């Protein structure tokens, strides 16, 4: 299937590693020009160099921290300077610290709300007029399967990512007539550094070994294994594609069947 992504201009947030890096590569493999951003210049440069050496698509990068107040303005300028416009926006943010609902004090809640919700929405609103004017756009927001089934000890993530669900659905209905789609993609346990970090935190909290935590986790997944970044990124690339023009306002789970709800 031709995804129609050749020459498309894509911004992928938090793409120095993990799911963001995987999505950037998947889009570039289809011929897109991707702009990656994150806090690690070394990792971003390595990712961009690998994409450019492959020759299928093109990659640029900008070092930027979504927790900074000037993030949206910085990224908007980079989109103009490096891409000359935008066709695809992939909203992706790092996950917040683990903890229970009672651990959420006002300062922590406010700070992560700014980086995980406010700046995602503000950046989308900043870039959306470009998509509406050209009559084409794809907005994809990476969240978590925790918005369907809250994940124990990830109360902040469950709460803040859940806020994006109502936003995405509302936005999608407002912009569909302009040829712009807005969807969410929800990873289950995809094997990334983040999963290793969370499993390590759970092992420490429970007094169990990392192997015990990982084995129990895999037993809860019908597919019987952790997902691969490439598998997740392939679904993301489709949702950003030309053939996905009639898919909007949806949440797509990539979790190996782990979610028990429909």
C-alpha atoms as a PDB file:
ATOM      1  CA  UNK A   1       0.000   0.000   0.000  1.00  0.00           C
ATOM      2  CA  UNK A   2       1.242   3.459  -0.904  1.00  0.00           C
ATOM      3  CA  UNK A   3       0.718   5.627   2.179  1.00  0.00           C
ATOM      4  CA  UNK A   4       1.093   8.817   0.165  1.00  0.00           C
ATOM      5  CA  UNK A   5       3.681  10.223   2.559  1.00  0.00           C
ATOM      6  CA  UNK A   6       6.439  10.997   0.066  1.00  0.00           C
ATOM      7  CA  UNK A   7       7.390  14.662   0.448  1.00  0.00           C
ATOM      8  CA  UNK A   8       4.992  15.228   3.344  1.00  0.00           C
ATOM      9  CA  UNK A   9       6.342  17.465   6.125  1.00  0.00           C
ATOM     10  CA  UNK A  10       6.076  15.981   9.603  1.00  0.00           C
ATOM     11  CA  UNK A  11       6.879  17.251  13.077  1.00  0.00           C
ATOM     12  CA  UNK A  12       7.386  14.503  15.657  1.00  0.00           C
ATOM     13  CA  UNK A  13       7.694  15.599  19.277  1.00  0.00           C
ATOM     14  CA  UNK A  14       9.885  13.772  21.808  1.00  0.00           C
ATOM     15  CA  UNK A  15      11.642  11.828  19.065  1.00  0.00           C
ATOM     16  CA  UNK A  16      15.155  11.439  20.430  1.00  0.00           C
ATOM     17  CA  UNK A  17      14.314   7.899  21.551  1.00  0.00           C
ATOM     18  CA  UNK A  18      11.537   5.369  22.046  1.00  0.00           C
ATOM     19  CA  UNK A  19       8.146   5.682  20.383  1.00  0.00           C
ATOM     20  CA  UNK A  20       8.814   9.145  18.979  1.00  0.00           C
ATOM     21  CA  UNK A  21      12.032   8.047  17.306  1.00  0.00           C
ATOM     22  CA  UNK A  22      10.245   5.012  15.912  1.00  0.00           C
ATOM     23  CA  UNK A  23       7.443   7.102  14.428  1.00  0.00           C
ATOM     24  CA  UNK A  24       9.904   9.548  12.873  1.00  0.00           C
ATOM     25  CA  UNK A  25      11.746   6.676  11.197  1.00  0.00           C
ATOM     26  CA  UNK A  26       8.526   5.060   9.965  1.00  0.00           C
ATOM     27  CA  UNK A  27       7.377   8.316   8.364  1.00  0.00           C
ATOM     28  CA  UNK A  28      10.796   8.928   6.808  1.00  0.00           C
ATOM     29  CA  UNK A  29      10.845   5.372   5.470  1.00  0.00           C
ATOM     30  CA  UNK A  30       7.714   6.342   3.520  1.00  0.00           C
ATOM     31  CA  UNK A  31       9.486   9.371   2.061  1.00  0.00           C
ATOM     32  CA  UNK A  32       8.433  12.090   4.507  1.00  0.00           C
ATOM     33  CA  UNK A  33      10.599  15.013   5.602  1.00  0.00           C
ATOM     34  CA  UNK A  34      10.597  14.751   9.393  1.00  0.00           C
ATOM     35  CA  UNK A  35      11.546  17.340  11.969  1.00  0.00           C
ATOM     36  CA  UNK A  36      12.477  15.678  15.246  1.00  0.00           C
ATOM     37  CA  UNK A  37      12.743  17.409  18.584  1.00  0.00           C
ATOM     38  CA  UNK A  38      13.824  16.516  22.083  1.00  0.00           C
ATOM     39  CA  UNK A  39      16.319  17.336  24.793  1.00  0.00           C
ATOM     40  CA  UNK A  40      19.289  15.260  23.592  1.00  0.00           C
ATOM     41  CA  UNK A  41      21.157  16.787  20.671  1.00  0.00           C
ATOM     42  CA  UNK A  42      23.421  13.747  20.372  1.00  0.00           C
ATOM     43  CA  UNK A  43      20.531  11.303  20.069  1.00  0.00           C
ATOM     44  CA  UNK A  44      18.575  13.534  17.705  1.00  0.00           C
ATOM     45  CA  UNK A  45      21.603  13.984  15.455  1.00  0.00           C
ATOM     46  CA  UNK A  46      22.245  10.237  15.406  1.00  0.00           C
ATOM     47  CA  UNK A  47      18.617   9.566  14.466  1.00  0.00           C
ATOM     48  CA  UNK A  48      18.652  12.227  11.749  1.00  0.00           C
ATOM     49  CA  UNK A  49      21.965  11.013  10.350  1.00  0.00           C
ATOM     50  CA  UNK A  50      20.636   7.448  10.130  1.00  0.00           C
ATOM     51  CA  UNK A  51      17.478   8.573   8.313  1.00  0.00           C
ATOM     52  CA  UNK A  52      19.393  10.777   5.884  1.00  0.00           C
ATOM     53  CA  UNK A  53      21.941   8.040   5.188  1.00  0.00           C
ATOM     54  CA  UNK A  54      19.115   5.636   4.355  1.00  0.00           C
ATOM     55  CA  UNK A  55      17.944   7.999   1.643  1.00  0.00           C
ATOM     56  CA  UNK A  56      14.234   7.197   1.740  1.00  0.00           C
ATOM     57  CA  UNK A  57      13.115  10.383   3.444  1.00  0.00           C
ATOM     58  CA  UNK A  58      14.774  13.394   5.001  1.00  0.00           C
ATOM     59  CA  UNK A  59      15.330  14.444   8.614  1.00  0.00           C
ATOM     60  CA  UNK A  60      16.143  17.605  10.521  1.00  0.00           C
ATOM     61  CA  UNK A  61      16.119  18.166  14.252  1.00  0.00           C
ATOM     62  CA  UNK A  62      15.862  20.861  16.892  1.00  0.00           C
ATOM     63  CA  UNK A  63      16.830  20.618  20.550  1.00  0.00           C
ATOM     64  CA  UNK A  64      13.815  21.733  22.569  1.00  0.00           C
ATOM     65  CA  UNK A  65      12.327  21.020  25.978  1.00  0.00           C
ATOM     66  CA  UNK A  66       8.543  20.888  26.167  1.00  0.00           C
ATOM     67  CA  UNK A  67       8.697  21.971  29.813  1.00  0.00           C
ATOM     68  CA  UNK A  68      10.125  25.365  28.755  1.00  0.00           C
ATOM     69  CA  UNK A  69       7.703  28.276  28.518  1.00  0.00           C
ATOM     70  CA  UNK A  70       9.021  29.221  25.063  1.00  0.00           C
ATOM     71  CA  UNK A  71       8.661  25.731  23.594  1.00  0.00           C
ATOM     72  CA  UNK A  72       5.686  26.396  21.312  1.00  0.00           C
ATOM     73  CA  UNK A  73       7.194  29.543  19.788  1.00  0.00           C
ATOM     74  CA  UNK A  74      10.560  27.811  19.296  1.00  0.00           C
ATOM     75  CA  UNK A  75       8.998  24.828  17.542  1.00  0.00           C
ATOM     76  CA  UNK A  76       6.726  26.978  15.377  1.00  0.00           C
ATOM     77  CA  UNK A  77       9.785  28.871  14.131  1.00  0.00           C
ATOM     78  CA  UNK A  78      11.637  25.616  13.479  1.00  0.00           C
ATOM     79  CA  UNK A  79       8.704  24.264  11.455  1.00  0.00           C
ATOM     80  CA  UNK A  80       8.798  27.388   9.291  1.00  0.00           C
ATOM     81  CA  UNK A  81      12.572  27.435   8.895  1.00  0.00           C
ATOM     82  CA  UNK A  82      13.277  23.723   8.420  1.00  0.00           C
ATOM     83  CA  UNK A  83      10.074  22.357   6.889  1.00  0.00           C
ATOM     84  CA  UNK A  84       8.541  25.422   5.236  1.00  0.00           C
ATOM     85  CA  UNK A  85       5.110  24.308   6.423  1.00  0.00           C
ATOM     86  CA  UNK A  86       3.501  21.233   7.943  1.00  0.00           C
ATOM     87  CA  UNK A  87       1.318  18.327   6.892  1.00  0.00           C
ATOM     88  CA  UNK A  88       1.660  15.999   9.886  1.00  0.00           C
ATOM     89  CA  UNK A  89       1.904  16.754  13.603  1.00  0.00           C
ATOM     90  CA  UNK A  90       2.694  13.926  15.987  1.00  0.00           C
ATOM     91  CA  UNK A  91       2.112  15.040  19.571  1.00  0.00           C
ATOM     92  CA  UNK A  92       4.254  12.937  21.859  1.00  0.00           C
ATOM     93  CA  UNK A  93       5.472  13.720  25.370  1.00  0.00           C
ATOM     94  CA  UNK A  94       7.546  11.968  27.953  1.00  0.00           C
ATOM     95  CA  UNK A  95       5.651  10.217  30.701  1.00  0.00           C
ATOM     96  CA  UNK A  96       5.346  11.704  34.194  1.00  0.00           C
ATOM     97  CA  UNK A  97       6.834  10.201  37.329  1.00  0.00           C
ATOM     98  CA  UNK A  98       5.140   7.069  38.728  1.00  0.00           C
ATOM     99  CA  UNK A  99       2.980   7.405  41.819  1.00  0.00           C
ATOM    100  CA  UNK A 100      -0.468   7.048  43.321  1.00  0.00           C
ATOM    101  CA  UNK A 101      -3.359   9.494  43.162  1.00  0.00           C
ATOM    102  CA  UNK A 102      -2.509  10.629  46.676  1.00  0.00           C
ATOM    103  CA  UNK A 103       1.025  11.450  45.536  1.00  0.00           C
ATOM    104  CA  UNK A 104      -0.251  14.164  43.176  1.00  0.00           C
ATOM    105  CA  UNK A 105       0.513  17.429  44.938  1.00  0.00           C
ATOM    106  CA  UNK A 106      -0.501  20.729  43.330  1.00  0.00           C
ATOM    107  CA  UNK A 107       2.963  21.667  42.079  1.00  0.00           C
ATOM    108  CA  UNK A 108       3.633  18.331  40.397  1.00  0.00           C
ATOM    109  CA  UNK A 109       0.163  18.251  38.858  1.00  0.00           C
ATOM    110  CA  UNK A 110       0.503  21.787  37.514  1.00  0.00           C
ATOM    111  CA  UNK A 111       3.975  21.282  36.036  1.00  0.00           C
ATOM    112  CA  UNK A 112       3.113  18.090  34.179  1.00  0.00           C
ATOM    113  CA  UNK A 113      -0.231  19.533  33.067  1.00  0.00           C
ATOM    114  CA  UNK A 114       1.676  22.357  31.385  1.00  0.00           C
ATOM    115  CA  UNK A 115       4.043  20.052  29.485  1.00  0.00           C
ATOM    116  CA  UNK A 116       1.684  17.165  28.711  1.00  0.00           C
ATOM    117  CA  UNK A 117      -1.570  18.989  28.019  1.00  0.00           C
ATOM    118  CA  UNK A 118      -1.280  22.771  27.682  1.00  0.00           C
ATOM    119  CA  UNK A 119       1.692  22.804  25.293  1.00  0.00           C
ATOM    120  CA  UNK A 120       0.307  19.962  23.195  1.00  0.00           C
ATOM    121  CA  UNK A 121      -2.950  21.845  22.688  1.00  0.00           C
ATOM    122  CA  UNK A 122      -1.255  25.229  22.200  1.00  0.00           C
ATOM    123  CA  UNK A 123       1.202  23.888  19.633  1.00  0.00           C
ATOM    124  CA  UNK A 124      -1.599  22.157  17.745  1.00  0.00           C
ATOM    125  CA  UNK A 125      -3.614  25.375  17.666  1.00  0.00           C
ATOM    126  CA  UNK A 126      -0.551  27.266  16.451  1.00  0.00           C
ATOM    127  CA  UNK A 127       0.110  24.925  13.517  1.00  0.00           C
ATOM    128  CA  UNK A 128      -3.491  24.052  12.658  1.00  0.00           C
ATOM    129  CA  UNK A 129      -4.210  27.141  10.494  1.00  0.00           C
ATOM    130  CA  UNK A 130      -1.473  26.024   8.073  1.00  0.00           C
ATOM    131  CA  UNK A 131      -3.197  22.663   7.642  1.00  0.00           C
ATOM    132  CA  UNK A 132      -6.671  24.166   7.271  1.00  0.00           C
ATOM    133  CA  UNK A 133      -5.481  26.633   4.631  1.00  0.00           C
ATOM    134  CA  UNK A 134      -3.948  23.898   2.477  1.00  0.00           C
ATOM    135  CA  UNK A 135      -6.925  21.574   3.004  1.00  0.00           C
ATOM    136  CA  UNK A 136      -4.819  18.720   4.332  1.00  0.00           C
ATOM    137  CA  UNK A 137      -3.419  17.682   7.692  1.00  0.00           C
ATOM    138  CA  UNK A 138      -2.884  14.816  10.071  1.00  0.00           C
ATOM    139  CA  UNK A 139      -2.733  15.285  13.837  1.00  0.00           C
ATOM    140  CA  UNK A 140      -1.805  12.239  15.870  1.00  0.00           C
ATOM    141  CA  UNK A 141      -1.478  12.316  19.641  1.00  0.00           C
ATOM    142  CA  UNK A 142       0.384   9.564  21.478  1.00  0.00           C
ATOM    143  CA  UNK A 143      -1.214   8.814  24.837  1.00  0.00           C
ATOM    144  CA  UNK A 144      -1.476   5.529  26.757  1.00  0.00           C
ATOM    145  CA  UNK A 145      -3.756   2.549  27.159  1.00  0.00           C
ATOM    146  CA  UNK A 146      -4.232   3.941  30.674  1.00  0.00           C
ATOM    147  CA  UNK A 147      -6.934   6.262  29.334  1.00  0.00           C
ATOM    148  CA  UNK A 148      -9.111   3.133  28.907  1.00  0.00           C
ATOM    149  CA  UNK A 149      -7.937   1.129  31.904  1.00  0.00           C
ATOM    150  CA  UNK A 150      -6.022   3.147  34.525  1.00  0.00           C
ATOM    151  CA  UNK A 151      -2.564   1.697  35.099  1.00  0.00           C
ATOM    152  CA  UNK A 152      -1.621   1.132  38.765  1.00  0.00           C
ATOM    153  CA  UNK A 153       0.984   3.561  40.122  1.00  0.00           C
ATOM    154  CA  UNK A 154       0.684   5.819  37.069  1.00  0.00           C
ATOM    155  CA  UNK A 155      -1.987   8.139  38.424  1.00  0.00           C
ATOM    156  CA  UNK A 156      -0.512  11.279  36.858  1.00  0.00           C
ATOM    157  CA  UNK A 157      -0.341   9.703  33.429  1.00  0.00           C
ATOM    158  CA  UNK A 158      -3.869   8.277  33.700  1.00  0.00           C
ATOM    159  CA  UNK A 159      -5.208  11.689  34.708  1.00  0.00           C
ATOM    160  CA  UNK A 160      -3.386  13.994  32.303  1.00  0.00           C
ATOM    161  CA  UNK A 161      -3.485  11.800  29.216  1.00  0.00           C
ATOM    162  CA  UNK A 162      -7.178  11.291  29.879  1.00  0.00           C
ATOM    163  CA  UNK A 163      -7.676  15.046  29.531  1.00  0.00           C
ATOM    164  CA  UNK A 164      -6.494  14.814  25.925  1.00  0.00           C
ATOM    165  CA  UNK A 165      -9.232  12.319  25.031  1.00  0.00           C
ATOM    166  CA  UNK A 166     -12.049  14.867  25.227  1.00  0.00           C
ATOM    167  CA  UNK A 167      -9.899  17.460  23.485  1.00  0.00           C
ATOM    168  CA  UNK A 168      -9.081  15.151  20.588  1.00  0.00           C
ATOM    169  CA  UNK A 169     -12.695  14.173  20.014  1.00  0.00           C
ATOM    170  CA  UNK A 170     -13.877  17.773  20.140  1.00  0.00           C
ATOM    171  CA  UNK A 171     -11.115  18.996  17.831  1.00  0.00           C
ATOM    172  CA  UNK A 172     -11.672  16.235  15.288  1.00  0.00           C
ATOM    173  CA  UNK A 173     -15.298  17.225  14.742  1.00  0.00           C
ATOM    174  CA  UNK A 174     -14.354  20.879  14.301  1.00  0.00           C
ATOM    175  CA  UNK A 175     -11.664  20.364  11.656  1.00  0.00           C
ATOM    176  CA  UNK A 176     -12.824  17.346   9.632  1.00  0.00           C
ATOM    177  CA  UNK A 177     -14.418  19.482   6.919  1.00  0.00           C
ATOM    178  CA  UNK A 178     -11.017  21.079   6.241  1.00  0.00           C
ATOM    179  CA  UNK A 179      -9.442  17.759   5.324  1.00  0.00           C
ATOM    180  CA  UNK A 180      -7.604  17.551   8.636  1.00  0.00           C
ATOM    181  CA  UNK A 181      -7.857  14.463  10.840  1.00  0.00           C
ATOM    182  CA  UNK A 182      -7.127  14.180  14.548  1.00  0.00           C
ATOM    183  CA  UNK A 183      -6.613  10.806  16.201  1.00  0.00           C
ATOM    184  CA  UNK A 184      -4.965   9.255  19.230  1.00  0.00           C
ATOM    185  CA  UNK A 185      -2.749   6.196  19.359  1.00  0.00           C
ATOM    186  CA  UNK A 186      -2.510   4.329  22.633  1.00  0.00           C
ATOM    187  CA  UNK A 187       0.511   2.136  23.313  1.00  0.00           C
ATOM    188  CA  UNK A 188       0.316  -0.768  25.684  1.00  0.00           C
ATOM    189  CA  UNK A 189       3.567  -2.352  26.738  1.00  0.00           C
ATOM    190  CA  UNK A 190       5.865  -1.528  23.851  1.00  0.00           C
ATOM    191  CA  UNK A 191       9.484  -2.326  24.706  1.00  0.00           C
ATOM    192  CA  UNK A 192      11.240   1.008  25.186  1.00  0.00           C
ATOM    193  CA  UNK A 193      13.567   2.553  27.747  1.00  0.00           C
ATOM    194  CA  UNK A 194      10.453   3.989  29.419  1.00  0.00           C
ATOM    195  CA  UNK A 195       9.042   0.500  29.998  1.00  0.00           C
ATOM    196  CA  UNK A 196      12.357  -0.615  31.467  1.00  0.00           C
ATOM    197  CA  UNK A 197      12.312   2.397  33.800  1.00  0.00           C
ATOM    198  CA  UNK A 198       8.737   1.728  34.932  1.00  0.00           C
ATOM    199  CA  UNK A 199       9.423  -1.965  35.489  1.00  0.00           C
ATOM    200  CA  UNK A 200      12.465  -1.028  37.541  1.00  0.00           C
ATOM    201  CA  UNK A 201      10.372   1.350  39.656  1.00  0.00           C
ATOM    202  CA  UNK A 202       7.712  -1.344  40.176  1.00  0.00           C
ATOM    203  CA  UNK A 203      10.371  -3.862  41.190  1.00  0.00           C
ATOM    204  CA  UNK A 204      11.774  -1.454  43.751  1.00  0.00           C
ATOM    205  CA  UNK A 205       8.327  -0.597  45.100  1.00  0.00           C
ATOM    206  CA  UNK A 206       7.185  -4.213  45.390  1.00  0.00           C
ATOM    207  CA  UNK A 207      10.444  -5.796  46.491  1.00  0.00           C
ATOM    208  CA  UNK A 208      10.325  -8.195  43.548  1.00  0.00           C
ATOM    209  CA  UNK A 209      13.025  -8.768  40.973  1.00  0.00           C
ATOM    210  CA  UNK A 210      12.904  -7.123  37.569  1.00  0.00           C
ATOM    211  CA  UNK A 211      12.488 -10.538  35.952  1.00  0.00           C
ATOM    212  CA  UNK A 212       9.468 -11.297  38.155  1.00  0.00           C
ATOM    213  CA  UNK A 213       7.857  -7.984  37.227  1.00  0.00           C
ATOM    214  CA  UNK A 214       8.505  -8.511  33.514  1.00  0.00           C
ATOM    215  CA  UNK A 215       7.262 -12.113  33.533  1.00  0.00           C
ATOM    216  CA  UNK A 216       4.021 -11.159  35.292  1.00  0.00           C
ATOM    217  CA  UNK A 217       3.523  -8.315  32.844  1.00  0.00           C
ATOM    218  CA  UNK A 218       3.939 -10.540  29.793  1.00  0.00           C
ATOM    219  CA  UNK A 219       1.497 -13.085  31.233  1.00  0.00           C
ATOM    220  CA  UNK A 220      -1.181 -10.376  31.219  1.00  0.00           C
ATOM    221  CA  UNK A 221      -0.756  -9.761  27.476  1.00  0.00           C
ATOM    222  CA  UNK A 222      -2.677 -12.150  25.203  1.00  0.00           C
ATOM    223  CA  UNK A 223       0.014 -11.809  22.522  1.00  0.00           C
ATOM    224  CA  UNK A 224       2.454 -13.241  25.067  1.00  0.00           C
ATOM    225  CA  UNK A 225       5.181 -10.670  24.559  1.00  0.00           C
ATOM    226  CA  UNK A 226       6.052  -7.002  24.635  1.00  0.00           C
ATOM    227  CA  UNK A 227       5.346  -5.023  21.504  1.00  0.00           C
ATOM    228  CA  UNK A 228       8.053  -3.720  19.195  1.00  0.00           C
ATOM    229  CA  UNK A 229       8.562  -0.034  18.493  1.00  0.00           C
ATOM    230  CA  UNK A 230       8.441  -0.800  14.759  1.00  0.00           C
ATOM    231  CA  UNK A 231       4.999  -2.398  15.127  1.00  0.00           C
ATOM    232  CA  UNK A 232       3.651   0.604  16.979  1.00  0.00           C
ATOM    233  CA  UNK A 233       5.227   3.053  14.523  1.00  0.00           C
ATOM    234  CA  UNK A 234       3.683   1.265  11.544  1.00  0.00           C
ATOM    235  CA  UNK A 235       0.190   1.887  12.926  1.00  0.00           C
ATOM    236  CA  UNK A 236       1.102   5.519  13.584  1.00  0.00           C
ATOM    237  CA  UNK A 237       2.350   5.938  10.013  1.00  0.00           C
ATOM    238  CA  UNK A 238      -0.944   4.615   8.647  1.00  0.00           C
ATOM    239  CA  UNK A 239      -2.967   7.061  10.760  1.00  0.00           C
ATOM    240  CA  UNK A 240      -0.823   9.861   9.292  1.00  0.00           C
ATOM    241  CA  UNK A 241      -1.299   8.636   5.744  1.00  0.00           C
ATOM    242  CA  UNK A 242      -3.389   9.587   2.715  1.00  0.00           C
ATOM    243  CA  UNK A 243      -5.481   6.371   2.869  1.00  0.00           C
ATOM    244  CA  UNK A 244      -6.477   7.213   6.472  1.00  0.00           C
ATOM    245  CA  UNK A 245      -8.378  10.317   5.362  1.00  0.00           C
ATOM    246  CA  UNK A 246     -11.704   8.958   6.666  1.00  0.00           C
ATOM    247  CA  UNK A 247     -10.319   7.981  10.082  1.00  0.00           C
ATOM    248  CA  UNK A 248     -10.713  10.782  12.598  1.00  0.00           C
ATOM    249  CA  UNK A 249     -11.766  11.276  16.208  1.00  0.00           C
ATOM    250  CA  UNK A 250     -10.618   7.779  17.078  1.00  0.00           C
ATOM    251  CA  UNK A 251      -8.346   6.128  19.631  1.00  0.00           C
ATOM    252  CA  UNK A 252      -6.369   3.177  18.317  1.00  0.00           C
ATOM    253  CA  UNK A 253      -4.841   0.771  20.838  1.00  0.00           C
ATOM    254  CA  UNK A 254      -1.593  -1.034  20.074  1.00  0.00           C
ATOM    255  CA  UNK A 255      -1.349  -3.299  23.098  1.00  0.00           C
ATOM    256  CA  UNK A 256      -1.274  -6.951  22.040  1.00  0.00           C
ATOM    257  CA  UNK A 257      -4.840  -7.372  23.280  1.00  0.00           C
ATOM    258  CA  UNK A 258      -3.998  -6.430  26.857  1.00  0.00           C
ATOM    259  CA  UNK A 259      -6.931  -4.042  27.341  1.00  0.00           C
ATOM    260  CA  UNK A 260      -9.981  -5.920  28.560  1.00  0.00           C
ATOM    261  CA  UNK A 261     -12.532  -3.340  27.428  1.00  0.00           C
ATOM    262  CA  UNK A 262     -14.017  -3.303  23.918  1.00  0.00           C
END
